[in-house]
Amino acid sequence: MSFGPRVIGSAGRGPLILAHDNGALYKAGGATIDWSTVAPVDGVNEIVTLTVTASSGNISATLGGQTATVAFDASADVLETALEALSTIGNGNVRVTKAGSVFTLEFIEGLRRANIGTISATGATVAVVQEGSAVGELSLFDGTKVKAGDKVIPAGTVISKITSSGRYGPADTSASDGRQVVTALAKGSSYLVTKHIIQSEGHEIVGGLLEAGTVFRNRLAIGGTNQPTEANFVAMFPAIHFVRETV
């Protein structure tokens, strides 16, 4: 078996985890969650995907009459910079990631928890994954609803051990309790959550924590503020591979 992340093919929508030929490897005995490390749902940010359909030239995205244009094969950083230059968005108000031909835009900071309006595009298709809202439910990628005030650790989140207690919380590079270790040193003390954990449902000791297997890359909670980067994830989980999700 080879290790490290690699796209091994495409799959339609299904469970977060697709076991590779030798089967998925899970943490024995589960883990105990420290819910003090998880903030309650307090409104949601707008999340939009742009799926590139152009095979040459440029793509563009328009919001509020202003348009950002980049090459069809631009990086996430290039598109993020172009969008931030629009007065309808502004510097620091959007986070862009990319997986294959799909850009994911999350509106943050000054546009946090706001319904930002309609985005149109050329050379790409637009899909609203989650509408921004200051109140109400959080809708997860599989349609699961989490009420305002509840706490949730979504599937695709990396959880890490808290040194002093041995409990677990979401990996957080700004923490100082052990959860900030997002390198190869975290192997054996960090795991990938494969099903949503919602506090109000009585979840404290949880299972389904992956160490090796195959996952949908675009469902991983990596690359965001204080989250592990993709490079961090690679170092932490050398035996997890990526599969591309198709709709």
C-alpha atoms as a PDB file:
ATOM      1  CA  MET A   1       0.000   0.000   0.000  1.00  0.00           C
ATOM      2  CA  SER A   2       1.218   3.504  -0.747  1.00  0.00           C
ATOM      3  CA  PHE A   3       0.668   6.280   1.766  1.00  0.00           C
ATOM      4  CA  GLY A   4      -0.003  10.004   1.646  1.00  0.00           C
ATOM      5  CA  PRO A   5      -2.838  11.932   0.036  1.00  0.00           C
ATOM      6  CA  ARG A   6      -3.652  11.194  -3.566  1.00  0.00           C
ATOM      7  CA  VAL A   7      -6.837  11.526  -5.595  1.00  0.00           C
ATOM      8  CA  ILE A   8      -7.729   7.940  -6.514  1.00  0.00           C
ATOM      9  CA  GLY A   9     -10.863   8.605  -8.510  1.00  0.00           C
ATOM     10  CA  SER A  10     -14.328  10.067  -8.282  1.00  0.00           C
ATOM     11  CA  ALA A  11     -17.384   9.001  -6.359  1.00  0.00           C
ATOM     12  CA  GLY A  12     -20.965  10.177  -6.061  1.00  0.00           C
ATOM     13  CA  ARG A  13     -22.351  11.538  -2.817  1.00  0.00           C
ATOM     14  CA  GLY A  14     -22.210   9.063   0.037  1.00  0.00           C
ATOM     15  CA  PRO A  15     -20.641   8.586   3.469  1.00  0.00           C
ATOM     16  CA  LEU A  16     -17.684  10.725   4.409  1.00  0.00           C
ATOM     17  CA  ILE A  17     -15.405   7.688   4.486  1.00  0.00           C
ATOM     18  CA  LEU A  18     -14.730   5.265   1.666  1.00  0.00           C
ATOM     19  CA  ALA A  19     -12.503   2.457   2.864  1.00  0.00           C
ATOM     20  CA  HIS A  20      -9.500   1.600   0.691  1.00  0.00           C
ATOM     21  CA  ASP A  21      -8.782  -2.009  -0.256  1.00  0.00           C
ATOM     22  CA  ASN A  22      -7.225  -2.864   3.097  1.00  0.00           C
ATOM     23  CA  GLY A  23     -10.055  -1.287   5.085  1.00  0.00           C
ATOM     24  CA  ALA A  24     -10.315   1.838   7.192  1.00  0.00           C
ATOM     25  CA  LEU A  25      -8.487   2.016  10.519  1.00  0.00           C
ATOM     26  CA  TYR A  26     -10.284   3.600  13.483  1.00  0.00           C
ATOM     27  CA  LYS A  27      -9.191   4.559  16.985  1.00  0.00           C
ATOM     28  CA  ALA A  28     -10.064   1.798  19.420  1.00  0.00           C
ATOM     29  CA  GLY A  29     -12.264   2.834  22.331  1.00  0.00           C
ATOM     30  CA  GLY A  30     -13.267   6.226  20.960  1.00  0.00           C
ATOM     31  CA  ALA A  31     -12.474   9.509  22.706  1.00  0.00           C
ATOM     32  CA  THR A  32     -14.017  11.843  25.283  1.00  0.00           C
ATOM     33  CA  ILE A  33     -14.889  15.329  24.008  1.00  0.00           C
ATOM     34  CA  ASP A  34     -14.148  18.469  26.028  1.00  0.00           C
ATOM     35  CA  TRP A  35     -17.081  20.627  24.968  1.00  0.00           C
ATOM     36  CA  SER A  36     -15.513  23.758  26.467  1.00  0.00           C
ATOM     37  CA  THR A  37     -13.297  23.825  23.353  1.00  0.00           C
ATOM     38  CA  VAL A  38     -16.305  24.137  21.005  1.00  0.00           C
ATOM     39  CA  ALA A  39     -18.260  27.364  20.490  1.00  0.00           C
ATOM     40  CA  PRO A  40     -22.053  27.157  20.184  1.00  0.00           C
ATOM     41  CA  VAL A  41     -23.736  27.794  16.861  1.00  0.00           C
ATOM     42  CA  ASP A  42     -24.242  31.549  16.602  1.00  0.00           C
ATOM     43  CA  GLY A  43     -25.335  32.308  13.090  1.00  0.00           C
ATOM     44  CA  VAL A  44     -23.545  30.977  10.032  1.00  0.00           C
ATOM     45  CA  ASN A  45     -21.251  32.360   7.339  1.00  0.00           C
ATOM     46  CA  GLU A  46     -22.275  32.269   3.707  1.00  0.00           C
ATOM     47  CA  ILE A  47     -20.448  29.579   1.731  1.00  0.00           C
ATOM     48  CA  VAL A  48     -20.489  29.454  -2.068  1.00  0.00           C
ATOM     49  CA  THR A  49     -18.744  27.152  -4.535  1.00  0.00           C
ATOM     50  CA  LEU A  50     -17.523  28.055  -8.016  1.00  0.00           C
ATOM     51  CA  THR A  51     -16.991  24.984 -10.175  1.00  0.00           C
ATOM     52  CA  VAL A  52     -14.796  25.864 -13.141  1.00  0.00           C
ATOM     53  CA  THR A  53     -16.233  24.775 -16.476  1.00  0.00           C
ATOM     54  CA  ALA A  54     -13.830  26.720 -18.719  1.00  0.00           C
ATOM     55  CA  SER A  55     -10.804  24.871 -20.084  1.00  0.00           C
ATOM     56  CA  SER A  56      -8.953  28.006 -21.196  1.00  0.00           C
ATOM     57  CA  GLY A  57      -9.040  31.776 -20.861  1.00  0.00           C
ATOM     58  CA  ASN A  58     -10.596  33.455 -17.840  1.00  0.00           C
ATOM     59  CA  ILE A  59     -13.396  32.976 -15.350  1.00  0.00           C
ATOM     60  CA  SER A  60     -15.189  35.755 -13.521  1.00  0.00           C
ATOM     61  CA  ALA A  61     -17.397  36.220 -10.481  1.00  0.00           C
ATOM     62  CA  THR A  62     -19.744  39.177 -10.044  1.00  0.00           C
ATOM     63  CA  LEU A  63     -21.302  40.498  -6.837  1.00  0.00           C
ATOM     64  CA  GLY A  64     -23.239  43.731  -6.556  1.00  0.00           C
ATOM     65  CA  GLY A  65     -22.327  44.831 -10.055  1.00  0.00           C
ATOM     66  CA  GLN A  66     -18.579  44.390  -9.535  1.00  0.00           C
ATOM     67  CA  THR A  67     -16.587  41.656 -11.225  1.00  0.00           C
ATOM     68  CA  ALA A  68     -13.392  39.811 -10.357  1.00  0.00           C
ATOM     69  CA  THR A  69     -11.635  38.085 -13.262  1.00  0.00           C
ATOM     70  CA  VAL A  70      -8.865  35.480 -13.026  1.00  0.00           C
ATOM     71  CA  ALA A  71      -7.381  32.770 -15.224  1.00  0.00           C
ATOM     72  CA  PHE A  72      -9.418  29.565 -15.433  1.00  0.00           C
ATOM     73  CA  ASP A  73      -6.613  27.679 -13.662  1.00  0.00           C
ATOM     74  CA  ALA A  74      -5.889  30.340 -11.035  1.00  0.00           C
ATOM     75  CA  SER A  75      -4.962  29.360  -7.495  1.00  0.00           C
ATOM     76  CA  ALA A  76      -7.221  29.961  -4.503  1.00  0.00           C
ATOM     77  CA  ASP A  77      -4.954  32.810  -3.349  1.00  0.00           C
ATOM     78  CA  VAL A  78      -5.230  34.579  -6.707  1.00  0.00           C
ATOM     79  CA  LEU A  79      -9.031  34.409  -6.714  1.00  0.00           C
ATOM     80  CA  GLU A  80      -9.180  35.501  -3.069  1.00  0.00           C
ATOM     81  CA  THR A  81      -7.069  38.580  -3.824  1.00  0.00           C
ATOM     82  CA  ALA A  82      -9.232  39.474  -6.826  1.00  0.00           C
ATOM     83  CA  LEU A  83     -12.438  39.161  -4.824  1.00  0.00           C
ATOM     84  CA  GLU A  84     -11.074  41.204  -1.923  1.00  0.00           C
ATOM     85  CA  ALA A  85     -10.355  44.029  -4.382  1.00  0.00           C
ATOM     86  CA  LEU A  86     -14.101  44.448  -4.966  1.00  0.00           C
ATOM     87  CA  SER A  87     -15.723  47.097  -2.789  1.00  0.00           C
ATOM     88  CA  THR A  88     -18.722  44.782  -2.410  1.00  0.00           C
ATOM     89  CA  ILE A  89     -16.446  42.313  -0.589  1.00  0.00           C
ATOM     90  CA  GLY A  90     -13.364  44.086   0.760  1.00  0.00           C
ATOM     91  CA  ASN A  91     -10.023  43.048   2.164  1.00  0.00           C
ATOM     92  CA  GLY A  92     -10.098  40.122   4.581  1.00  0.00           C
ATOM     93  CA  ASN A  93     -13.794  39.410   4.092  1.00  0.00           C
ATOM     94  CA  VAL A  94     -13.577  36.220   2.042  1.00  0.00           C
ATOM     95  CA  ARG A  95     -11.615  33.006   2.423  1.00  0.00           C
ATOM     96  CA  VAL A  96     -11.047  30.948  -0.733  1.00  0.00           C
ATOM     97  CA  THR A  97      -9.908  27.332  -0.917  1.00  0.00           C
ATOM     98  CA  LYS A  98      -9.646  25.072  -3.947  1.00  0.00           C
ATOM     99  CA  ALA A  99     -10.023  21.334  -4.495  1.00  0.00           C
ATOM    100  CA  GLY A 100      -9.604  20.207  -8.091  1.00  0.00           C
ATOM    101  CA  SER A 101     -11.741  22.521 -10.216  1.00  0.00           C
ATOM    102  CA  VAL A 102     -13.913  23.693  -7.324  1.00  0.00           C
ATOM    103  CA  PHE A 103     -13.325  26.961  -5.467  1.00  0.00           C
ATOM    104  CA  THR A 104     -15.031  27.312  -2.088  1.00  0.00           C
ATOM    105  CA  LEU A 105     -15.736  30.857  -0.903  1.00  0.00           C
ATOM    106  CA  GLU A 106     -16.546  31.520   2.756  1.00  0.00           C
ATOM    107  CA  PHE A 107     -17.508  35.089   3.632  1.00  0.00           C
ATOM    108  CA  ILE A 108     -15.916  36.114   6.930  1.00  0.00           C
ATOM    109  CA  GLU A 109     -14.921  39.101   9.103  1.00  0.00           C
ATOM    110  CA  GLY A 110     -16.934  42.109   7.852  1.00  0.00           C
ATOM    111  CA  LEU A 111     -19.293  39.782   5.937  1.00  0.00           C
ATOM    112  CA  ARG A 112     -19.526  37.197   8.706  1.00  0.00           C
ATOM    113  CA  ARG A 113     -23.044  35.830   9.271  1.00  0.00           C
ATOM    114  CA  ALA A 114     -24.408  37.963   6.406  1.00  0.00           C
ATOM    115  CA  ASN A 115     -26.495  37.023   3.401  1.00  0.00           C
ATOM    116  CA  ILE A 116     -24.213  38.494   0.757  1.00  0.00           C
ATOM    117  CA  GLY A 117     -26.635  38.372  -2.167  1.00  0.00           C
ATOM    118  CA  THR A 118     -26.438  36.750  -5.573  1.00  0.00           C
ATOM    119  CA  ILE A 119     -23.109  35.841  -7.155  1.00  0.00           C
ATOM    120  CA  SER A 120     -23.032  35.213 -10.887  1.00  0.00           C
ATOM    121  CA  ALA A 121     -20.132  33.788 -12.844  1.00  0.00           C
ATOM    122  CA  THR A 122     -18.799  33.154 -16.322  1.00  0.00           C
ATOM    123  CA  GLY A 123     -16.691  30.108 -17.043  1.00  0.00           C
ATOM    124  CA  ALA A 124     -17.924  28.532 -13.811  1.00  0.00           C
ATOM    125  CA  THR A 125     -21.123  27.383 -12.144  1.00  0.00           C
ATOM    126  CA  VAL A 126     -22.228  28.839  -8.815  1.00  0.00           C
ATOM    127  CA  ALA A 127     -23.799  26.920  -5.939  1.00  0.00           C
ATOM    128  CA  VAL A 128     -24.805  28.296  -2.552  1.00  0.00           C
ATOM    129  CA  VAL A 129     -23.747  25.693   0.003  1.00  0.00           C
ATOM    130  CA  GLN A 130     -24.942  27.722   2.974  1.00  0.00           C
ATOM    131  CA  GLU A 131     -26.695  31.074   3.181  1.00  0.00           C
ATOM    132  CA  GLY A 132     -25.281  33.500   5.720  1.00  0.00           C
ATOM    133  CA  SER A 133     -27.483  34.249   8.693  1.00  0.00           C
ATOM    134  CA  ALA A 134     -27.060  35.958  12.076  1.00  0.00           C
ATOM    135  CA  VAL A 135     -29.532  33.573  13.701  1.00  0.00           C
ATOM    136  CA  GLY A 136     -31.089  30.214  13.085  1.00  0.00           C
ATOM    137  CA  GLU A 137     -29.819  26.767  12.281  1.00  0.00           C
ATOM    138  CA  LEU A 138     -26.490  25.622  10.924  1.00  0.00           C
ATOM    139  CA  SER A 139     -26.950  23.353   7.910  1.00  0.00           C
ATOM    140  CA  LEU A 140     -24.170  20.788   7.473  1.00  0.00           C
ATOM    141  CA  PHE A 141     -23.114  19.326   4.123  1.00  0.00           C
ATOM    142  CA  ASP A 142     -25.431  16.310   4.383  1.00  0.00           C
ATOM    143  CA  GLY A 143     -28.479  18.356   5.378  1.00  0.00           C
ATOM    144  CA  THR A 144     -28.117  17.831   9.137  1.00  0.00           C
ATOM    145  CA  LYS A 145     -29.510  20.849  11.016  1.00  0.00           C
ATOM    146  CA  VAL A 146     -27.894  22.141  14.199  1.00  0.00           C
ATOM    147  CA  LYS A 147     -29.934  24.583  16.275  1.00  0.00           C
ATOM    148  CA  ALA A 148     -28.576  27.927  17.411  1.00  0.00           C
ATOM    149  CA  GLY A 149     -27.009  27.499  20.828  1.00  0.00           C
ATOM    150  CA  ASP A 150     -26.052  23.870  20.261  1.00  0.00           C
ATOM    151  CA  LYS A 151     -22.451  22.755  19.902  1.00  0.00           C
ATOM    152  CA  VAL A 152     -21.286  20.549  17.024  1.00  0.00           C
ATOM    153  CA  ILE A 153     -18.099  18.986  15.721  1.00  0.00           C
ATOM    154  CA  PRO A 154     -18.892  18.251  12.061  1.00  0.00           C
ATOM    155  CA  ALA A 155     -17.674  15.188  10.213  1.00  0.00           C
ATOM    156  CA  GLY A 156     -14.391  16.011   8.524  1.00  0.00           C
ATOM    157  CA  THR A 157     -12.995  17.808  11.592  1.00  0.00           C
ATOM    158  CA  VAL A 158      -9.610  16.866  13.079  1.00  0.00           C
ATOM    159  CA  ILE A 159      -9.743  16.450  16.846  1.00  0.00           C
ATOM    160  CA  SER A 160      -6.619  16.432  19.009  1.00  0.00           C
ATOM    161  CA  LYS A 161      -5.794  15.420  22.569  1.00  0.00           C
ATOM    162  CA  ILE A 162      -5.684  18.003  25.352  1.00  0.00           C
ATOM    163  CA  THR A 163      -2.449  17.348  27.213  1.00  0.00           C
ATOM    164  CA  SER A 164      -3.671  18.004  30.755  1.00  0.00           C
ATOM    165  CA  SER A 165      -6.964  16.078  30.680  1.00  0.00           C
ATOM    166  CA  GLY A 166      -6.583  13.493  27.931  1.00  0.00           C
ATOM    167  CA  ARG A 167      -9.896  14.665  26.478  1.00  0.00           C
ATOM    168  CA  TYR A 168     -10.241  15.847  22.875  1.00  0.00           C
ATOM    169  CA  GLY A 169     -11.314  18.987  21.059  1.00  0.00           C
ATOM    170  CA  PRO A 170     -11.011  20.388  17.519  1.00  0.00           C
ATOM    171  CA  ALA A 171      -7.402  20.902  16.405  1.00  0.00           C
ATOM    172  CA  ASP A 172      -6.657  24.613  16.789  1.00  0.00           C
ATOM    173  CA  THR A 173      -3.343  26.232  15.863  1.00  0.00           C
ATOM    174  CA  SER A 174      -4.070  29.119  18.263  1.00  0.00           C
ATOM    175  CA  ALA A 175      -4.560  26.815  21.274  1.00  0.00           C
ATOM    176  CA  SER A 176      -1.961  26.162  23.953  1.00  0.00           C
ATOM    177  CA  ASP A 177      -3.378  22.986  25.482  1.00  0.00           C
ATOM    178  CA  GLY A 178      -1.905  20.448  23.034  1.00  0.00           C
ATOM    179  CA  ARG A 179      -4.463  20.868  20.257  1.00  0.00           C
ATOM    180  CA  GLN A 180      -2.104  23.284  18.482  1.00  0.00           C
ATOM    181  CA  VAL A 181       0.252  20.459  17.427  1.00  0.00           C
ATOM    182  CA  VAL A 182      -0.609  19.926  13.750  1.00  0.00           C
ATOM    183  CA  THR A 183       2.541  18.158  12.566  1.00  0.00           C
ATOM    184  CA  ALA A 184       3.740  14.568  12.314  1.00  0.00           C
ATOM    185  CA  LEU A 185       4.164  14.738  16.103  1.00  0.00           C
ATOM    186  CA  ALA A 186       0.354  14.663  16.369  1.00  0.00           C
ATOM    187  CA  LYS A 187       0.116  11.119  15.001  1.00  0.00           C
ATOM    188  CA  GLY A 188      -1.480   8.924  17.638  1.00  0.00           C
ATOM    189  CA  SER A 189      -3.082  11.877  19.422  1.00  0.00           C
ATOM    190  CA  SER A 190      -5.178  13.318  16.568  1.00  0.00           C
ATOM    191  CA  TYR A 191      -8.022  11.682  14.656  1.00  0.00           C
ATOM    192  CA  LEU A 192     -10.515  12.508  11.903  1.00  0.00           C
ATOM    193  CA  VAL A 193     -14.185  12.680  12.915  1.00  0.00           C
ATOM    194  CA  THR A 194     -16.324  10.655  10.484  1.00  0.00           C
ATOM    195  CA  LYS A 195     -19.791  11.515  11.784  1.00  0.00           C
ATOM    196  CA  HIS A 196     -21.272  14.699  13.194  1.00  0.00           C
ATOM    197  CA  ILE A 197     -20.969  15.015  16.982  1.00  0.00           C
ATOM    198  CA  ILE A 198     -23.731  17.183  18.509  1.00  0.00           C
ATOM    199  CA  GLN A 199     -23.600  17.940  22.216  1.00  0.00           C
ATOM    200  CA  SER A 200     -27.378  18.191  22.667  1.00  0.00           C
ATOM    201  CA  GLU A 201     -27.700  14.581  21.507  1.00  0.00           C
ATOM    202  CA  GLY A 202     -25.680  13.472  24.523  1.00  0.00           C
ATOM    203  CA  HIS A 203     -22.434  12.813  22.715  1.00  0.00           C
ATOM    204  CA  GLU A 204     -19.396  12.889  24.966  1.00  0.00           C
ATOM    205  CA  ILE A 205     -17.560   9.614  24.414  1.00  0.00           C
ATOM    206  CA  VAL A 206     -17.493   9.153  20.657  1.00  0.00           C
ATOM    207  CA  GLY A 207     -16.233   6.629  18.137  1.00  0.00           C
ATOM    208  CA  GLY A 208     -15.790   6.664  14.364  1.00  0.00           C
ATOM    209  CA  LEU A 209     -12.394   8.359  14.643  1.00  0.00           C
ATOM    210  CA  LEU A 210     -10.322   7.628  11.548  1.00  0.00           C
ATOM    211  CA  GLU A 211      -6.568   7.057  11.401  1.00  0.00           C
ATOM    212  CA  ALA A 212      -6.300   5.537   7.908  1.00  0.00           C
ATOM    213  CA  GLY A 213      -8.655   5.259   4.957  1.00  0.00           C
ATOM    214  CA  THR A 214     -10.053   7.347   2.120  1.00  0.00           C
ATOM    215  CA  VAL A 215     -12.010  10.592   2.451  1.00  0.00           C
ATOM    216  CA  PHE A 216     -13.680  13.242   0.362  1.00  0.00           C
ATOM    217  CA  ARG A 217     -11.136  16.093   0.325  1.00  0.00           C
ATOM    218  CA  ASN A 218     -13.750  18.836  -0.008  1.00  0.00           C
ATOM    219  CA  ARG A 219     -15.512  17.712   3.198  1.00  0.00           C
ATOM    220  CA  LEU A 220     -12.457  18.158   5.408  1.00  0.00           C
ATOM    221  CA  ALA A 221     -12.382  21.079   7.845  1.00  0.00           C
ATOM    222  CA  ILE A 222      -8.861  22.173   6.939  1.00  0.00           C
ATOM    223  CA  GLY A 223      -7.343  25.394   5.651  1.00  0.00           C
ATOM    224  CA  GLY A 224      -9.632  27.714   7.603  1.00  0.00           C
ATOM    225  CA  THR A 225      -8.839  30.065  10.461  1.00  0.00           C
ATOM    226  CA  ASN A 226      -6.830  28.198  13.141  1.00  0.00           C
ATOM    227  CA  GLN A 227      -7.450  24.888  11.344  1.00  0.00           C
ATOM    228  CA  PRO A 228      -4.711  22.541  10.116  1.00  0.00           C
ATOM    229  CA  THR A 229      -3.592  23.273   6.564  1.00  0.00           C
ATOM    230  CA  GLU A 230      -3.627  20.556   3.918  1.00  0.00           C
ATOM    231  CA  ALA A 231       0.137  20.152   4.437  1.00  0.00           C
ATOM    232  CA  ASN A 232      -0.472  19.748   8.183  1.00  0.00           C
ATOM    233  CA  PHE A 233      -3.145  17.136   7.467  1.00  0.00           C
ATOM    234  CA  VAL A 234      -0.735  15.204   5.238  1.00  0.00           C
ATOM    235  CA  ALA A 235       1.848  15.106   8.015  1.00  0.00           C
ATOM    236  CA  MET A 236      -0.686  14.103  10.661  1.00  0.00           C
ATOM    237  CA  PHE A 237      -2.411  11.392   8.604  1.00  0.00           C
ATOM    238  CA  PRO A 238       0.005   9.836   6.080  1.00  0.00           C
ATOM    239  CA  ALA A 239      -2.305   6.828   5.611  1.00  0.00           C
ATOM    240  CA  ILE A 240      -5.399   8.822   4.616  1.00  0.00           C
ATOM    241  CA  HIS A 241      -6.042   9.244   0.886  1.00  0.00           C
ATOM    242  CA  PHE A 242      -8.339  11.692  -0.899  1.00  0.00           C
ATOM    243  CA  VAL A 243     -11.150  10.932  -3.327  1.00  0.00           C
ATOM    244  CA  ARG A 244     -12.819  13.544  -5.509  1.00  0.00           C
ATOM    245  CA  GLU A 245     -16.571  13.913  -4.907  1.00  0.00           C
ATOM    246  CA  THR A 246     -18.903  14.341  -7.858  1.00  0.00           C
ATOM    247  CA  VAL A 247     -22.458  15.584  -7.634  1.00  0.00           C
END
